[in-house]
Amino acid sequence: MRLQLANVTVDFGTLGIRALAGVDLKIDEGEQVALLGPSGSGKTTLLRTLVGAVRPCGGQIRVGGLNPFGSSGELCRLRRATGIVRQRDDLILGLSGRMNAVMGTVPTWGLADWFAVLRGEVPARYTDRLHRLCRRHGIEACLPARVEQLSGGQRQRVALVRALLPRPKLLLADEPTSGLDPPAAATAVEALRTGDAATLVLATHDLRIAERFPRVVALRHGRVVFDGPGLGSGDAERIFGAAGAAS
């Protein structure tokens, strides 16, 4: 899906905060982009505008030609085509890792799929792909366990599988490696990049993660301060400030 943002501004008026300030951005279908910036730079707000969760006070947004703030039908089509990985895994307590993972496919279910889930089974057309993804992430043994019995890293990997399972046309990932150790984080990023999503935007504050992407878009104080194939020697300081760049 192609993303187009023109002069997008988001104000949280009651708090006196401008989260996005005149953002212009184009991401072509098939691109993989790291959205880089420190905490509070506007990364999460930008991702949320793309799926209609935060309404801008100015500017225009189109996602795959759809307006997230147009008709309810447009928004439904957009959300059906979008996979989301949040910083907090937002899994459903009381359900197994297996059933949480398959919940990413709900918009595609037919009657037979619903009956399978009611029996506690994975819809047959997703079984092979689910097990391949879980093996890749090293969580196949965790699938029968309820998610509250899993570690934070295991839960995050279940959330990654849930987003990848339906092969979304657009994948938005907000700090998806925050609960993972470096080897697991590298595996997760590689899985997202090879996860059959046509377009990928991953928000991160980690320079090492951003360097794995062919394009980096950096935000600071709600503005785009860098957009290119790789960071130069002075770019990190401009994005994070001297202290952040040094760390």
C-alpha atoms as a PDB file:
ATOM      1  CA  MET A   1       0.000   0.000   0.000  1.00  0.00           C
ATOM      2  CA  ARG A   2       1.231   3.467  -0.861  1.00  0.00           C
ATOM      3  CA  LEU A   3       1.281   6.056   1.933  1.00  0.00           C
ATOM      4  CA  GLN A   4       0.926   9.789   1.338  1.00  0.00           C
ATOM      5  CA  LEU A   5       0.976  12.444   4.056  1.00  0.00           C
ATOM      6  CA  ALA A   6       0.770  16.114   3.110  1.00  0.00           C
ATOM      7  CA  ASN A   7       1.315  18.816   5.757  1.00  0.00           C
ATOM      8  CA  VAL A   8      -0.116  16.592   8.496  1.00  0.00           C
ATOM      9  CA  THR A   9      -0.386  18.311  11.873  1.00  0.00           C
ATOM     10  CA  VAL A  10      -1.626  16.798  15.133  1.00  0.00           C
ATOM     11  CA  ASP A  11      -2.238  18.924  18.228  1.00  0.00           C
ATOM     12  CA  PHE A  12      -3.190  17.530  21.588  1.00  0.00           C
ATOM     13  CA  GLY A  13      -4.826  20.820  22.446  1.00  0.00           C
ATOM     14  CA  THR A  14      -5.778  20.218  26.058  1.00  0.00           C
ATOM     15  CA  LEU A  15      -2.151  19.367  26.838  1.00  0.00           C
ATOM     16  CA  GLY A  16      -0.647  22.126  24.699  1.00  0.00           C
ATOM     17  CA  ILE A  17       1.373  19.559  22.758  1.00  0.00           C
ATOM     18  CA  ARG A  18       2.003  19.523  19.000  1.00  0.00           C
ATOM     19  CA  ALA A  19       2.734  15.882  18.230  1.00  0.00           C
ATOM     20  CA  LEU A  20       3.182  16.293  14.467  1.00  0.00           C
ATOM     21  CA  ALA A  21       4.063  19.552  12.778  1.00  0.00           C
ATOM     22  CA  GLY A  22       3.457  19.727   9.038  1.00  0.00           C
ATOM     23  CA  VAL A  23       4.701  16.243   8.100  1.00  0.00           C
ATOM     24  CA  ASP A  24       5.135  15.554   4.386  1.00  0.00           C
ATOM     25  CA  LEU A  25       5.940  11.952   3.587  1.00  0.00           C
ATOM     26  CA  LYS A  26       5.508   9.497   0.726  1.00  0.00           C
ATOM     27  CA  ILE A  27       6.162   5.777   1.031  1.00  0.00           C
ATOM     28  CA  ASP A  28       5.686   3.664  -2.072  1.00  0.00           C
ATOM     29  CA  GLU A  29       4.116   0.240  -2.125  1.00  0.00           C
ATOM     30  CA  GLY A  30       6.692  -2.376  -1.227  1.00  0.00           C
ATOM     31  CA  GLU A  31       9.016  -0.048   0.663  1.00  0.00           C
ATOM     32  CA  GLN A  32      10.435  -0.956   4.049  1.00  0.00           C
ATOM     33  CA  VAL A  33      11.010   2.099   6.201  1.00  0.00           C
ATOM     34  CA  ALA A  34      12.406   2.580   9.707  1.00  0.00           C
ATOM     35  CA  LEU A  35      10.701   5.482  11.468  1.00  0.00           C
ATOM     36  CA  LEU A  36      13.416   6.631  13.855  1.00  0.00           C
ATOM     37  CA  GLY A  37      13.322   9.075  16.738  1.00  0.00           C
ATOM     38  CA  PRO A  38      13.553   9.551  20.485  1.00  0.00           C
ATOM     39  CA  SER A  39      10.607   9.108  22.824  1.00  0.00           C
ATOM     40  CA  GLY A  40       8.047  11.861  22.220  1.00  0.00           C
ATOM     41  CA  SER A  41       9.188  12.600  18.680  1.00  0.00           C
ATOM     42  CA  GLY A  42       5.805  11.699  17.131  1.00  0.00           C
ATOM     43  CA  LYS A  43       6.451   8.171  15.847  1.00  0.00           C
ATOM     44  CA  THR A  44       3.482   6.502  17.521  1.00  0.00           C
ATOM     45  CA  THR A  45       1.181   9.402  16.670  1.00  0.00           C
ATOM     46  CA  LEU A  46       2.131   9.152  13.008  1.00  0.00           C
ATOM     47  CA  LEU A  47       1.416   5.416  12.923  1.00  0.00           C
ATOM     48  CA  ARG A  48      -1.924   5.933  14.635  1.00  0.00           C
ATOM     49  CA  THR A  49      -3.007   8.563  12.106  1.00  0.00           C
ATOM     50  CA  LEU A  50      -2.463   6.023   9.321  1.00  0.00           C
ATOM     51  CA  VAL A  51      -5.174   3.730  10.722  1.00  0.00           C
ATOM     52  CA  GLY A  52      -7.627   6.437  11.728  1.00  0.00           C
ATOM     53  CA  ALA A  53      -6.930   6.291  15.474  1.00  0.00           C
ATOM     54  CA  VAL A  54      -5.705   9.900  15.782  1.00  0.00           C
ATOM     55  CA  ARG A  55      -7.348  12.617  13.712  1.00  0.00           C
ATOM     56  CA  PRO A  56      -5.044  15.370  12.414  1.00  0.00           C
ATOM     57  CA  CYS A  57      -6.075  18.990  12.804  1.00  0.00           C
ATOM     58  CA  GLY A  58      -4.567  19.758   9.403  1.00  0.00           C
ATOM     59  CA  GLY A  59      -3.250  18.110   6.257  1.00  0.00           C
ATOM     60  CA  GLN A  60      -4.245  15.089   4.201  1.00  0.00           C
ATOM     61  CA  ILE A  61      -3.557  11.357   4.501  1.00  0.00           C
ATOM     62  CA  ARG A  62      -4.071   8.597   1.970  1.00  0.00           C
ATOM     63  CA  VAL A  63      -3.225   4.949   2.591  1.00  0.00           C
ATOM     64  CA  GLY A  64      -3.534   2.774  -0.467  1.00  0.00           C
ATOM     65  CA  GLY A  65      -5.772   5.492  -1.913  1.00  0.00           C
ATOM     66  CA  LEU A  66      -8.075   5.297   1.112  1.00  0.00           C
ATOM     67  CA  ASN A  67      -8.846   8.116   3.525  1.00  0.00           C
ATOM     68  CA  PRO A  68      -8.588   6.852   7.137  1.00  0.00           C
ATOM     69  CA  PHE A  69     -11.024   9.597   8.138  1.00  0.00           C
ATOM     70  CA  GLY A  70     -13.447   9.139   5.257  1.00  0.00           C
ATOM     71  CA  SER A  71     -16.358   6.745   5.238  1.00  0.00           C
ATOM     72  CA  SER A  72     -16.616   3.837   7.662  1.00  0.00           C
ATOM     73  CA  GLY A  73     -16.305   1.521   4.668  1.00  0.00           C
ATOM     74  CA  GLU A  74     -12.941   3.024   3.715  1.00  0.00           C
ATOM     75  CA  LEU A  75     -11.672   2.667   7.263  1.00  0.00           C
ATOM     76  CA  CYS A  76     -12.822  -0.968   7.439  1.00  0.00           C
ATOM     77  CA  ARG A  77     -11.068  -1.818   4.164  1.00  0.00           C
ATOM     78  CA  LEU A  78      -7.913  -0.117   5.379  1.00  0.00           C
ATOM     79  CA  ARG A  79      -7.853  -1.906   8.724  1.00  0.00           C
ATOM     80  CA  ARG A  80      -8.528  -5.292   7.133  1.00  0.00           C
ATOM     81  CA  ALA A  81      -5.431  -4.792   4.989  1.00  0.00           C
ATOM     82  CA  THR A  82      -3.207  -3.608   7.851  1.00  0.00           C
ATOM     83  CA  GLY A  83      -1.247  -5.601  10.402  1.00  0.00           C
ATOM     84  CA  ILE A  84      -0.237  -3.830  13.621  1.00  0.00           C
ATOM     85  CA  VAL A  85       2.400  -4.693  16.205  1.00  0.00           C
ATOM     86  CA  ARG A  86       2.178  -2.493  19.283  1.00  0.00           C
ATOM     87  CA  GLN A  87       4.857  -1.834  21.876  1.00  0.00           C
ATOM     88  CA  ARG A  88       2.597  -3.483  24.439  1.00  0.00           C
ATOM     89  CA  ASP A  89       1.454  -6.802  23.109  1.00  0.00           C
ATOM     90  CA  ASP A  90      -2.301  -6.356  23.955  1.00  0.00           C
ATOM     91  CA  LEU A  91      -2.883 -10.109  23.861  1.00  0.00           C
ATOM     92  CA  ILE A  92      -6.135 -11.588  25.177  1.00  0.00           C
ATOM     93  CA  LEU A  93      -5.660 -13.027  28.651  1.00  0.00           C
ATOM     94  CA  GLY A  94      -7.081 -16.496  29.214  1.00  0.00           C
ATOM     95  CA  LEU A  95      -6.453 -17.569  25.619  1.00  0.00           C
ATOM     96  CA  SER A  96      -3.541 -19.693  24.492  1.00  0.00           C
ATOM     97  CA  GLY A  97      -0.655 -18.353  22.462  1.00  0.00           C
ATOM     98  CA  ARG A  98      -2.066 -20.302  19.518  1.00  0.00           C
ATOM     99  CA  MET A  99      -5.507 -18.691  19.675  1.00  0.00           C
ATOM    100  CA  ASN A 100      -4.050 -15.235  20.246  1.00  0.00           C
ATOM    101  CA  ALA A 101      -1.879 -15.627  17.167  1.00  0.00           C
ATOM    102  CA  VAL A 102      -4.810 -16.640  14.991  1.00  0.00           C
ATOM    103  CA  MET A 103      -6.864 -13.610  16.097  1.00  0.00           C
ATOM    104  CA  GLY A 104      -5.027 -11.534  13.513  1.00  0.00           C
ATOM    105  CA  THR A 105      -7.010 -13.326  10.815  1.00  0.00           C
ATOM    106  CA  VAL A 106     -10.515 -12.616  12.199  1.00  0.00           C
ATOM    107  CA  PRO A 107     -11.570 -10.248   9.355  1.00  0.00           C
ATOM    108  CA  THR A 108     -11.092 -13.081   6.846  1.00  0.00           C
ATOM    109  CA  TRP A 109     -13.071 -15.765   8.682  1.00  0.00           C
ATOM    110  CA  GLY A 110     -15.949 -17.581   7.104  1.00  0.00           C
ATOM    111  CA  LEU A 111     -18.440 -19.857   8.832  1.00  0.00           C
ATOM    112  CA  ALA A 112     -16.125 -22.885   8.796  1.00  0.00           C
ATOM    113  CA  ASP A 113     -13.350 -20.817  10.376  1.00  0.00           C
ATOM    114  CA  TRP A 114     -15.633 -19.635  13.182  1.00  0.00           C
ATOM    115  CA  PHE A 115     -16.700 -23.200  13.944  1.00  0.00           C
ATOM    116  CA  ALA A 116     -13.045 -24.298  14.034  1.00  0.00           C
ATOM    117  CA  VAL A 117     -12.161 -21.563  16.520  1.00  0.00           C
ATOM    118  CA  LEU A 118     -15.181 -22.377  18.683  1.00  0.00           C
ATOM    119  CA  ARG A 119     -13.810 -25.925  18.875  1.00  0.00           C
ATOM    120  CA  GLY A 120     -10.468 -24.476  19.995  1.00  0.00           C
ATOM    121  CA  GLU A 121      -8.795 -25.206  16.657  1.00  0.00           C
ATOM    122  CA  VAL A 122      -6.861 -23.061  14.215  1.00  0.00           C
ATOM    123  CA  PRO A 123      -8.670 -22.603  10.866  1.00  0.00           C
ATOM    124  CA  ALA A 124      -7.131 -25.191   8.567  1.00  0.00           C
ATOM    125  CA  ARG A 125      -5.934 -22.704   5.950  1.00  0.00           C
ATOM    126  CA  TYR A 126      -3.697 -20.989   8.524  1.00  0.00           C
ATOM    127  CA  THR A 127      -2.241 -24.039  10.287  1.00  0.00           C
ATOM    128  CA  ASP A 128       0.908 -24.520   8.198  1.00  0.00           C
ATOM    129  CA  ARG A 129       1.783 -20.831   8.068  1.00  0.00           C
ATOM    130  CA  LEU A 130       1.202 -20.420  11.809  1.00  0.00           C
ATOM    131  CA  HIS A 131       3.609 -23.232  12.640  1.00  0.00           C
ATOM    132  CA  ARG A 132       6.244 -21.940  10.199  1.00  0.00           C
ATOM    133  CA  LEU A 133       6.135 -18.480  11.751  1.00  0.00           C
ATOM    134  CA  CYS A 134       6.239 -19.854  15.286  1.00  0.00           C
ATOM    135  CA  ARG A 135       9.230 -22.056  14.471  1.00  0.00           C
ATOM    136  CA  ARG A 136      11.026 -19.052  13.010  1.00  0.00           C
ATOM    137  CA  HIS A 137      10.436 -17.111  16.228  1.00  0.00           C
ATOM    138  CA  GLY A 138      11.219 -20.043  18.504  1.00  0.00           C
ATOM    139  CA  ILE A 139       7.812 -20.102  20.201  1.00  0.00           C
ATOM    140  CA  GLU A 140       6.207 -23.244  18.792  1.00  0.00           C
ATOM    141  CA  ALA A 141       6.418 -24.926  22.209  1.00  0.00           C
ATOM    142  CA  CYS A 142       4.615 -21.937  23.765  1.00  0.00           C
ATOM    143  CA  LEU A 143       1.500 -22.211  21.607  1.00  0.00           C
ATOM    144  CA  PRO A 144      -0.603 -24.359  23.995  1.00  0.00           C
ATOM    145  CA  ALA A 145       0.136 -22.166  27.039  1.00  0.00           C
ATOM    146  CA  ARG A 146      -2.101 -19.315  28.130  1.00  0.00           C
ATOM    147  CA  VAL A 147      -0.421 -16.000  27.388  1.00  0.00           C
ATOM    148  CA  GLU A 148      -0.286 -14.961  31.053  1.00  0.00           C
ATOM    149  CA  GLN A 149       2.054 -17.921  31.569  1.00  0.00           C
ATOM    150  CA  LEU A 150       4.516 -16.638  28.950  1.00  0.00           C
ATOM    151  CA  SER A 151       7.468 -14.293  29.430  1.00  0.00           C
ATOM    152  CA  GLY A 152       7.378 -10.755  28.076  1.00  0.00           C
ATOM    153  CA  GLY A 153       9.613 -11.702  25.161  1.00  0.00           C
ATOM    154  CA  GLN A 154       7.475 -14.725  24.296  1.00  0.00           C
ATOM    155  CA  ARG A 155       4.320 -12.621  24.395  1.00  0.00           C
ATOM    156  CA  GLN A 156       5.886 -10.061  22.069  1.00  0.00           C
ATOM    157  CA  ARG A 157       6.792 -12.784  19.597  1.00  0.00           C
ATOM    158  CA  VAL A 158       3.213 -14.112  19.687  1.00  0.00           C
ATOM    159  CA  ALA A 159       2.076 -10.573  18.818  1.00  0.00           C
ATOM    160  CA  LEU A 160       4.528 -10.489  15.893  1.00  0.00           C
ATOM    161  CA  VAL A 161       3.171 -13.783  14.557  1.00  0.00           C
ATOM    162  CA  ARG A 162      -0.409 -12.514  14.948  1.00  0.00           C
ATOM    163  CA  ALA A 163       0.381  -9.494  12.746  1.00  0.00           C
ATOM    164  CA  LEU A 164       2.217 -11.513  10.085  1.00  0.00           C
ATOM    165  CA  LEU A 165      -0.189 -14.452   9.826  1.00  0.00           C
ATOM    166  CA  PRO A 166      -2.804 -12.880   7.492  1.00  0.00           C
ATOM    167  CA  ARG A 167      -0.140 -11.501   5.076  1.00  0.00           C
ATOM    168  CA  PRO A 168      -1.156  -7.833   5.458  1.00  0.00           C
ATOM    169  CA  LYS A 169      -0.681  -5.369   2.617  1.00  0.00           C
ATOM    170  CA  LEU A 170       0.597  -2.845   5.159  1.00  0.00           C
ATOM    171  CA  LEU A 171       2.450  -3.686   8.365  1.00  0.00           C
ATOM    172  CA  LEU A 172       2.902  -1.037  11.075  1.00  0.00           C
ATOM    173  CA  ALA A 173       5.193  -1.946  13.967  1.00  0.00           C
ATOM    174  CA  ASP A 174       5.613   0.357  16.974  1.00  0.00           C
ATOM    175  CA  GLU A 175       8.826  -0.472  18.890  1.00  0.00           C
ATOM    176  CA  PRO A 176       8.235  -4.203  18.282  1.00  0.00           C
ATOM    177  CA  THR A 177      11.633  -5.243  19.692  1.00  0.00           C
ATOM    178  CA  SER A 178      11.381  -3.411  23.020  1.00  0.00           C
ATOM    179  CA  GLY A 179      10.888  -6.588  25.067  1.00  0.00           C
ATOM    180  CA  LEU A 180      13.448  -8.714  23.222  1.00  0.00           C
ATOM    181  CA  ASP A 181      17.150  -9.382  23.730  1.00  0.00           C
ATOM    182  CA  PRO A 182      19.455  -8.407  20.809  1.00  0.00           C
ATOM    183  CA  PRO A 183      19.486 -11.820  19.050  1.00  0.00           C
ATOM    184  CA  ALA A 184      15.698 -12.148  19.330  1.00  0.00           C
ATOM    185  CA  ALA A 185      15.276  -8.531  18.195  1.00  0.00           C
ATOM    186  CA  ALA A 186      17.376  -9.181  15.095  1.00  0.00           C
ATOM    187  CA  THR A 187      15.323 -12.301  14.317  1.00  0.00           C
ATOM    188  CA  ALA A 188      12.073 -10.372  14.795  1.00  0.00           C
ATOM    189  CA  VAL A 189      13.134  -7.566  12.459  1.00  0.00           C
ATOM    190  CA  GLU A 190      14.207 -10.052   9.804  1.00  0.00           C
ATOM    191  CA  ALA A 191      10.854 -11.834  10.130  1.00  0.00           C
ATOM    192  CA  LEU A 192       8.978  -8.573   9.724  1.00  0.00           C
ATOM    193  CA  ARG A 193      11.046  -7.658   6.679  1.00  0.00           C
ATOM    194  CA  THR A 194      10.395 -11.047   5.054  1.00  0.00           C
ATOM    195  CA  GLY A 195       6.855 -11.480   6.332  1.00  0.00           C
ATOM    196  CA  ASP A 196       4.972 -11.060   3.043  1.00  0.00           C
ATOM    197  CA  ALA A 197       3.719  -7.556   3.905  1.00  0.00           C
ATOM    198  CA  ALA A 198       3.741  -5.343   0.814  1.00  0.00           C
ATOM    199  CA  THR A 199       4.734  -2.236   2.791  1.00  0.00           C
ATOM    200  CA  LEU A 200       6.442  -2.051   6.200  1.00  0.00           C
ATOM    201  CA  VAL A 201       6.868   0.923   8.536  1.00  0.00           C
ATOM    202  CA  LEU A 202       8.663   0.152  11.796  1.00  0.00           C
ATOM    203  CA  ALA A 203       9.004   2.783  14.523  1.00  0.00           C
ATOM    204  CA  THR A 204      12.087   2.526  16.703  1.00  0.00           C
ATOM    205  CA  HIS A 205      14.484   4.568  18.833  1.00  0.00           C
ATOM    206  CA  ASP A 206      17.269   2.025  18.259  1.00  0.00           C
ATOM    207  CA  LEU A 207      19.892   3.025  15.692  1.00  0.00           C
ATOM    208  CA  ARG A 208      20.955  -0.609  15.281  1.00  0.00           C
ATOM    209  CA  ILE A 209      17.444  -1.580  14.228  1.00  0.00           C
ATOM    210  CA  ALA A 210      17.099   1.395  11.873  1.00  0.00           C
ATOM    211  CA  GLU A 211      20.372   0.515  10.137  1.00  0.00           C
ATOM    212  CA  ARG A 212      18.802  -2.762   8.953  1.00  0.00           C
ATOM    213  CA  PHE A 213      16.375  -0.852   6.718  1.00  0.00           C
ATOM    214  CA  PRO A 214      16.977   0.504   3.210  1.00  0.00           C
ATOM    215  CA  ARG A 215      15.275   3.789   4.122  1.00  0.00           C
ATOM    216  CA  VAL A 216      15.233   5.748   7.369  1.00  0.00           C
ATOM    217  CA  VAL A 217      12.778   8.548   8.154  1.00  0.00           C
ATOM    218  CA  ALA A 218      13.653  10.356  11.376  1.00  0.00           C
ATOM    219  CA  LEU A 219      11.363  12.540  13.484  1.00  0.00           C
ATOM    220  CA  ARG A 220      12.244  15.079  16.146  1.00  0.00           C
ATOM    221  CA  HIS A 221       9.678  17.285  17.882  1.00  0.00           C
ATOM    222  CA  GLY A 222       7.042  16.154  15.383  1.00  0.00           C
ATOM    223  CA  ARG A 223       9.018  17.126  12.275  1.00  0.00           C
ATOM    224  CA  VAL A 224      10.851  15.061   9.672  1.00  0.00           C
ATOM    225  CA  VAL A 225      14.550  15.859  10.141  1.00  0.00           C
ATOM    226  CA  PHE A 226      16.016  13.092   8.005  1.00  0.00           C
ATOM    227  CA  ASP A 227      14.845  10.980   5.082  1.00  0.00           C
ATOM    228  CA  GLY A 228      17.339   8.844   3.247  1.00  0.00           C
ATOM    229  CA  PRO A 229      18.979   5.453   2.710  1.00  0.00           C
ATOM    230  CA  GLY A 230      21.306   5.625   5.712  1.00  0.00           C
ATOM    231  CA  LEU A 231      22.417   7.885   8.536  1.00  0.00           C
ATOM    232  CA  GLY A 232      25.578   9.964   8.189  1.00  0.00           C
ATOM    233  CA  SER A 233      28.050  10.759  10.951  1.00  0.00           C
ATOM    234  CA  GLY A 234      26.226  13.874  12.193  1.00  0.00           C
ATOM    235  CA  ASP A 235      22.661  12.701  11.671  1.00  0.00           C
ATOM    236  CA  ALA A 236      22.293  10.787  14.943  1.00  0.00           C
ATOM    237  CA  GLU A 237      23.215  13.871  16.966  1.00  0.00           C
ATOM    238  CA  ARG A 238      20.711  15.964  15.004  1.00  0.00           C
ATOM    239  CA  ILE A 239      17.960  13.414  15.676  1.00  0.00           C
ATOM    240  CA  PHE A 240      18.675  12.507  19.290  1.00  0.00           C
ATOM    241  CA  GLY A 241      20.801  15.404  20.540  1.00  0.00           C
ATOM    242  CA  ALA A 242      24.395  15.122  21.708  1.00  0.00           C
ATOM    243  CA  ALA A 243      23.618  13.014  24.789  1.00  0.00           C
ATOM    244  CA  GLY A 244      21.392  10.559  22.921  1.00  0.00           C
ATOM    245  CA  ALA A 245      23.864  10.213  20.058  1.00  0.00           C
ATOM    246  CA  ALA A 246      26.707   9.536  22.477  1.00  0.00           C
ATOM    247  CA  SER A 247      24.781   6.782  24.239  1.00  0.00           C
END
